[in-house]
């Protein structure tokens, strides 16, 4: 099952890269043709918009899966485990509710626009709204799985803090990690029984 899930997210990442590459080629190529050859790519604007919408939604799915979304955990990280569990369970429940609403709206819009054609490409406008269905089903599965792990006690206390304060934290931590698990440039942990070292920010 894990292999299947990992494969699914690898496919999503490939589609994201493909959409980004398509946007670059279409936009840059259109500008080059317009100013250099007084020509252009007719479908550039519509396809670029479609690629951008798909890229955004697919990226949000991967971001949720990898816990890459930013947020503020100032309050939650100071709560006991029971408080963290209650907060994260409530958060997942609210996100699931919004996901269901989005699934209903996206599905309705997809059906409504199934026979509506884009003026330049002739593609069905359902392609524009259908990504909302993919997004809702994918994130709904992730949220249900995470909520199950929280309610059954399988989530660790670190996982109960859902957000990352900075996109650079994982990268910085990786650079500071040295052999044996110590961090270069960081003071060693105090010996057992010794009083902790206080800094200006901890007073």
Protein backbone atom coordinates (compact mmCIF):
# COMPACT_ATOMS: atom_id res chain seq x y z
CA UNK A 1 0.00 0.00 0.00
CA UNK A 2 2.84 2.38 0.88
CA UNK A 3 4.46 1.70 -2.50
CA UNK A 4 1.19 2.56 -4.24
CA UNK A 5 0.82 5.81 -2.29
CA UNK A 6 4.44 6.80 -2.93
CA UNK A 7 3.97 6.06 -6.62
CA UNK A 8 0.86 8.27 -6.71
CA UNK A 9 2.74 11.22 -5.26
CA UNK A 10 5.64 10.66 -7.65
CA UNK A 11 3.12 10.92 -10.49
CA UNK A 12 1.77 14.16 -9.01
CA UNK A 13 5.27 15.61 -8.81
CA UNK A 14 5.91 14.63 -12.42
CA UNK A 15 2.67 16.34 -13.49
CA UNK A 16 3.64 19.47 -11.53
CA UNK A 17 7.02 19.59 -13.28
CA UNK A 18 5.33 19.02 -16.64
CA UNK A 19 2.85 21.85 -16.05
CA UNK A 20 5.65 24.21 -15.03
CA UNK A 21 7.72 23.29 -18.08
CA UNK A 22 4.68 23.75 -20.32
CA UNK A 23 4.04 27.21 -18.87
CA UNK A 24 7.64 28.27 -19.43
CA UNK A 25 7.69 27.04 -23.02
CA UNK A 26 4.34 28.58 -23.91
CA UNK A 27 4.85 31.98 -22.28
CA UNK A 28 8.49 32.42 -23.29
CA UNK A 29 7.84 31.07 -26.77
CA UNK A 30 4.86 33.37 -27.23
CA UNK A 31 6.86 36.44 -26.18
CA UNK A 32 9.75 35.44 -28.44
CA UNK A 33 7.49 34.92 -31.43
CA UNK A 34 5.56 38.11 -30.82
CA UNK A 35 8.53 40.45 -30.57
CA UNK A 36 10.90 38.60 -32.87
CA UNK A 37 8.65 37.32 -35.65
CA UNK A 38 5.40 39.28 -35.22
CA UNK A 39 3.59 36.00 -34.60
CA UNK A 40 2.42 34.00 -31.59
CA UNK A 41 0.98 30.82 -30.16
CA UNK A 42 -2.81 31.09 -30.26
CA UNK A 43 -3.46 28.67 -27.44
CA UNK A 44 -0.70 30.02 -25.18
CA UNK A 45 -2.89 32.00 -22.79
CA UNK A 46 -5.52 29.32 -22.26
CA UNK A 47 -3.07 26.44 -21.86
CA UNK A 48 -0.83 28.46 -19.54
CA UNK A 49 -3.80 29.25 -17.33
CA UNK A 50 -4.86 25.60 -17.30
CA UNK A 51 -1.32 24.45 -16.44
CA UNK A 52 -1.07 27.04 -13.67
CA UNK A 53 -4.35 25.98 -12.07
CA UNK A 54 -3.38 22.29 -12.16
CA UNK A 55 0.11 23.07 -10.86
CA UNK A 56 -1.31 25.01 -7.92
CA UNK A 57 -3.82 22.38 -6.85
CA UNK A 58 -1.49 19.43 -7.33
CA UNK A 59 1.23 21.27 -5.43
CA UNK A 60 -1.18 21.83 -2.55
CA UNK A 61 -1.86 18.06 -2.41
CA UNK A 62 1.86 17.27 -2.23
CA UNK A 63 2.36 20.05 0.32
CA UNK A 64 -0.31 18.58 2.60
CA UNK A 65 1.17 15.12 2.28
CA UNK A 66 4.66 16.35 3.15
CA UNK A 67 3.44 18.75 5.89
CA UNK A 68 5.01 21.63 4.00
CA UNK A 69 2.27 24.22 4.54
CA UNK A 70 3.21 27.13 6.75
CA UNK A 71 1.41 28.11 9.91
CA UNK A 72 1.74 29.31 13.50
CA UNK A 73 2.20 26.72 16.25
CA UNK A 74 2.97 29.14 19.11
CA UNK A 75 -0.03 28.02 21.18
CA UNK A 76 -0.29 24.36 20.18
CA UNK A 77 3.32 23.49 20.93
CA UNK A 78 2.86 24.66 24.53
CA UNK A 79 -0.17 22.47 25.18
CA UNK A 80 0.03 19.02 26.78
CA UNK A 81 -0.41 16.00 24.54
CA UNK A 82 -4.16 15.84 25.20
CA UNK A 83 -4.54 19.47 24.15
CA UNK A 84 -2.46 18.95 21.03
CA UNK A 85 -4.54 15.90 20.13
CA UNK A 86 -7.79 17.82 20.54
CA UNK A 87 -6.53 20.74 18.44
CA UNK A 88 -5.20 18.60 15.61
CA UNK A 89 -8.34 16.45 15.53
CA UNK A 90 -10.51 19.58 15.34
CA UNK A 91 -8.28 20.99 12.60
CA UNK A 92 -8.53 17.81 10.53
CA UNK A 93 -12.31 17.71 11.01
CA UNK A 94 -12.69 21.31 9.82
CA UNK A 95 -10.43 20.70 6.83
CA UNK A 96 -12.43 17.60 5.93
CA UNK A 97 -15.65 19.63 6.06
CA UNK A 98 -14.19 22.26 3.71
CA UNK A 99 -12.86 19.50 1.45
CA UNK A 100 -16.33 17.98 1.15
CA UNK A 101 -17.77 21.38 0.23
CA UNK A 102 -15.07 21.84 -2.39
CA UNK A 103 -15.70 18.37 -3.79
CA UNK A 104 -19.40 19.11 -4.16
CA UNK A 105 -18.77 22.48 -5.83
CA UNK A 106 -16.03 21.21 -8.14
CA UNK A 107 -18.08 18.21 -9.24
CA UNK A 108 -21.11 20.41 -9.95
CA UNK A 109 -19.02 22.89 -11.97
CA UNK A 110 -17.32 20.06 -13.87
CA UNK A 111 -20.68 18.64 -14.95
CA UNK A 112 -22.05 22.09 -15.85
CA UNK A 113 -19.03 22.94 -18.01
CA UNK A 114 -18.61 19.53 -19.59
CA UNK A 115 -19.94 20.71 -22.95
CA UNK A 116 -18.58 24.25 -22.71
CA UNK A 117 -15.56 24.72 -25.00
CA UNK A 118 -12.65 27.11 -24.56
CA UNK A 119 -12.54 29.59 -27.47
CA UNK A 120 -8.89 29.06 -28.50
CA UNK A 121 -8.09 25.44 -27.69
CA UNK A 122 -11.57 23.94 -27.98
CA UNK A 123 -10.94 21.95 -24.81
CA UNK A 124 -13.81 21.27 -22.46
CA UNK A 125 -13.90 23.73 -19.56
CA UNK A 126 -14.42 20.70 -17.33
CA UNK A 127 -10.63 20.33 -17.40
CA UNK A 128 -10.37 23.61 -15.50
CA UNK A 129 -12.80 22.61 -12.76
CA UNK A 130 -11.96 18.90 -12.68
CA UNK A 131 -8.72 19.53 -10.82
CA UNK A 132 -10.86 20.53 -7.84
CA UNK A 133 -12.27 16.99 -7.80
CA UNK A 134 -8.76 15.50 -7.92
CA UNK A 135 -7.66 17.85 -5.17
CA UNK A 136 -10.63 17.11 -2.93
CA UNK A 137 -10.39 13.33 -3.25
CA UNK A 138 -6.63 13.33 -2.69
CA UNK A 139 -6.59 15.68 0.29
CA UNK A 140 -9.67 13.99 1.72
CA UNK A 141 -7.82 10.67 1.73
CA UNK A 142 -4.78 12.25 3.38
CA UNK A 143 -6.89 13.97 6.05
CA UNK A 144 -8.90 10.84 6.83
CA UNK A 145 -5.71 8.81 7.23
CA UNK A 146 -4.11 11.42 9.49
CA UNK A 147 -7.27 11.83 11.56
CA UNK A 148 -7.44 8.05 12.03
CA UNK A 149 -3.82 8.00 13.24
CA UNK A 150 -4.54 10.83 15.69
CA UNK A 151 -7.72 9.29 17.13
CA UNK A 152 -6.12 5.85 17.50
CA UNK A 153 -3.03 7.25 19.22
CA UNK A 154 -0.66 6.21 16.43
CA UNK A 155 0.54 9.76 15.76
CA UNK A 156 3.63 10.86 17.67
CA UNK A 157 3.59 14.02 19.74
CA UNK A 158 5.80 15.77 17.17
CA UNK A 159 3.24 14.94 14.46
CA UNK A 160 0.53 16.64 16.50
CA UNK A 161 2.13 19.98 15.63
CA UNK A 162 0.85 20.19 12.07
CA UNK A 163 2.76 23.13 10.65
CA UNK A 164 6.27 24.24 9.81
CA UNK A 165 7.25 27.74 10.88
CA UNK A 166 9.62 28.24 7.95
CA UNK A 167 10.19 26.54 4.63
CA UNK A 168 13.91 26.66 5.39
CA UNK A 169 13.81 24.80 8.71
CA UNK A 170 14.20 21.25 7.33
CA UNK A 171 17.04 22.37 5.07
CA UNK A 172 18.79 24.27 7.87
CA UNK A 173 18.42 21.32 10.21
CA UNK A 174 19.90 19.01 7.59
CA UNK A 175 22.91 21.28 7.20
CA UNK A 176 23.46 21.43 10.97
CA UNK A 177 23.19 17.69 11.51
CA UNK A 178 26.60 16.10 11.86
CA UNK A 179 27.95 12.59 12.51
CA UNK A 180 26.52 11.01 15.60
CA UNK A 181 23.43 13.18 15.54
CA UNK A 182 25.14 16.31 16.96
CA UNK A 183 24.66 19.69 15.33
CA UNK A 184 27.72 21.69 14.38
CA UNK A 185 27.91 25.08 16.04
CA UNK A 186 25.31 24.14 18.68
CA UNK A 187 26.19 23.89 22.40
CA UNK A 188 26.29 20.33 23.78
CA UNK A 189 23.36 19.12 25.84
CA UNK A 190 23.83 19.70 29.62
CA UNK A 191 24.85 16.72 31.68
CA UNK A 192 22.27 14.96 33.82
CA UNK A 193 21.50 16.97 36.93
CA UNK A 194 23.12 20.13 35.60
CA UNK A 195 21.06 23.29 35.27
CA UNK A 196 20.13 24.15 31.68
CA UNK A 197 21.98 26.94 29.93
CA UNK A 198 19.79 30.02 29.66
CA UNK A 199 19.96 32.45 26.79
CA UNK A 200 18.55 35.94 26.49
CA UNK A 201 15.59 34.63 24.55
CA UNK A 202 14.68 32.05 27.20
CA UNK A 203 14.67 34.38 30.19
